[in-house]
Amino acid sequence: MNAEQAKNEISGSPEFQVLRHAHRRSGVRMTSAAVGGFLLYVLLSSFTPGLMNTSLSGHLTLGLALGLGQFVMMALIARRRLAQMRTCADPVSRGLRTRTLRREPGRPDGPARRPAPHRAGGSRTW
């Protein structure tokens, strides 16, 4: 089996289709949340300057707090994305990788080289 046939076989497998669908669905949701939050901030800044200039504590205004909240929102979205990929997508992609390595041309049908061990803690974020 050549590389092109292996690629077509993997891309046509149900596991790969589930992986692609989950990746796209979560990416669209999280991107929408990030863009929606930023758009809300911009619209509030443009159309309700009095509200955004409301003092919360000392020199801290509602606009400044919401602007800083954008960084928090991005960090939470990135963390959620990593956690979701680690739990949902990584096991499926490791299985597909293992299956691909076992079918590489010039390799016996026995077990392929062992993939790198997966750490229990996963990727460390922030």
Protein backbone atom coordinates (compact mmCIF):
# COMPACT_ATOMS: atom_id res chain seq x y z
CA MET A 1 0.00 0.00 0.00
CA ASN A 2 1.49 3.34 -0.97
CA ALA A 3 1.27 6.56 1.03
CA GLU A 4 -1.59 7.98 -1.06
CA GLN A 5 -3.73 4.88 -0.52
CA ALA A 6 -3.03 4.96 3.22
CA LYS A 7 -3.95 8.64 3.34
CA ASN A 8 -7.23 8.01 1.51
CA GLU A 9 -8.05 5.07 3.76
CA ILE A 10 -7.44 7.07 6.94
CA SER A 11 -9.31 10.16 5.72
CA GLY A 12 -12.29 7.99 4.81
CA SER A 13 -12.44 6.19 8.14
CA PRO A 14 -15.33 6.93 10.52
CA GLU A 15 -12.93 7.80 13.36
CA PHE A 16 -11.28 10.48 11.23
CA GLN A 17 -14.66 11.93 10.24
CA VAL A 18 -15.72 12.11 13.91
CA LEU A 19 -12.41 13.77 14.75
CA ARG A 20 -12.81 16.39 12.01
CA HIS A 21 -16.42 17.09 12.98
CA ALA A 22 -15.57 17.54 16.68
CA HIS A 23 -12.58 19.74 15.83
CA ARG A 24 -14.62 22.02 13.59
CA ARG A 25 -17.64 22.17 15.91
CA SER A 26 -15.62 23.13 18.97
CA GLY A 27 -13.48 25.56 16.99
CA VAL A 28 -16.52 27.37 15.65
CA ARG A 29 -18.12 27.57 19.10
CA MET A 30 -15.02 28.90 20.81
CA THR A 31 -14.19 31.34 18.03
CA SER A 32 -17.77 32.63 18.13
CA ALA A 33 -17.52 33.16 21.89
CA ALA A 34 -14.24 35.07 21.54
CA VAL A 35 -15.38 37.24 18.63
CA GLY A 36 -18.80 37.79 20.23
CA GLY A 37 -17.25 38.95 23.49
CA PHE A 38 -14.92 41.32 21.70
CA LEU A 39 -17.72 42.64 19.49
CA LEU A 40 -19.90 43.24 22.55
CA TYR A 41 -17.07 45.18 24.18
CA VAL A 42 -16.55 47.33 21.07
CA LEU A 43 -20.27 48.02 20.69
CA LEU A 44 -20.64 48.95 24.36
CA SER A 45 -17.62 51.26 24.06
CA SER A 46 -19.05 52.93 20.97
CA PHE A 47 -22.69 53.32 21.93
CA THR A 48 -22.70 53.57 25.75
CA PRO A 49 -19.67 55.62 26.76
CA GLY A 50 -21.43 56.77 29.92
CA LEU A 51 -21.91 53.19 31.06
CA MET A 52 -18.33 52.25 30.22
CA ASN A 53 -17.01 55.26 32.18
CA THR A 54 -18.88 54.20 35.32
CA SER A 55 -16.40 54.02 38.18
CA LEU A 56 -16.23 50.66 39.95
CA SER A 57 -13.45 51.37 42.43
CA GLY A 58 -11.05 54.29 42.37
CA HIS A 59 -9.70 54.63 38.82
CA LEU A 60 -11.15 51.29 37.71
CA THR A 61 -14.03 51.83 35.31
CA LEU A 62 -16.46 49.32 33.89
CA GLY A 63 -14.84 49.72 30.46
CA LEU A 64 -11.38 49.00 31.82
CA ALA A 65 -12.66 45.98 33.75
CA LEU A 66 -14.40 44.60 30.65
CA GLY A 67 -11.25 45.24 28.57
CA LEU A 68 -9.12 43.32 31.05
CA GLY A 69 -11.83 40.67 31.09
CA GLN A 70 -11.08 40.05 27.41
CA PHE A 71 -7.69 38.62 28.41
CA VAL A 72 -9.33 36.39 31.00
CA MET A 73 -11.90 35.23 28.45
CA MET A 74 -9.17 34.36 25.91
CA ALA A 75 -7.23 32.43 28.54
CA LEU A 76 -10.33 30.47 29.55
CA ILE A 77 -11.20 29.68 25.94
CA ALA A 78 -7.64 28.52 25.20
CA ARG A 79 -7.59 26.37 28.33
CA ARG A 80 -10.97 24.82 27.49
CA ARG A 81 -9.84 24.12 23.93
CA LEU A 82 -6.70 22.34 25.13
CA ALA A 83 -8.66 20.30 27.66
CA GLN A 84 -11.25 19.30 25.08
CA MET A 85 -8.65 18.30 22.52
CA ARG A 86 -6.71 16.34 25.16
CA THR A 87 -9.76 14.35 26.24
CA CYS A 88 -11.69 13.99 22.98
CA ALA A 89 -9.39 14.35 19.99
CA ASP A 90 -6.01 13.09 21.21
CA PRO A 91 -7.08 9.48 21.88
CA VAL A 92 -8.67 9.21 18.42
CA SER A 93 -5.70 10.82 16.68
CA ARG A 94 -3.25 8.53 18.54
CA GLY A 95 -5.25 5.52 17.36
CA LEU A 96 -5.20 6.76 13.77
CA ARG A 97 -1.48 7.46 14.00
CA THR A 98 -0.78 3.98 15.33
CA ARG A 99 -2.86 2.42 12.58
CA THR A 100 -1.02 4.48 9.95
CA LEU A 101 2.41 3.56 11.31
CA ARG A 102 1.53 -0.12 11.22
CA ARG A 103 0.71 0.13 7.53
CA GLU A 104 3.79 2.03 6.40
CA PRO A 105 5.38 0.52 3.29
CA GLY A 106 8.37 -1.66 4.03
CA ARG A 107 7.22 -2.45 7.56
CA PRO A 108 6.12 -5.89 8.63
CA ASP A 109 2.47 -6.31 9.63
CA GLY A 110 3.51 -6.76 13.25
CA PRO A 111 3.50 -3.96 15.77
CA ALA A 112 5.00 -0.74 14.57
CA ARG A 113 7.33 1.43 16.50
CA ARG A 114 5.74 2.44 19.70
CA PRO A 115 4.30 5.98 19.84
CA ALA A 116 5.64 8.30 22.49
CA PRO A 117 4.04 7.58 25.86
CA HIS A 118 1.21 9.88 26.82
CA ARG A 119 1.73 11.74 30.04
CA ALA A 120 -1.10 11.41 32.52
CA GLY A 121 -1.16 15.14 33.16
CA GLY A 122 -1.22 16.06 29.47
CA SER A 123 0.12 19.39 28.30
CA ARG A 124 0.65 21.91 31.01
CA THR A 125 -1.07 25.19 30.37
CA TRP A 126 -0.56 28.39 32.21
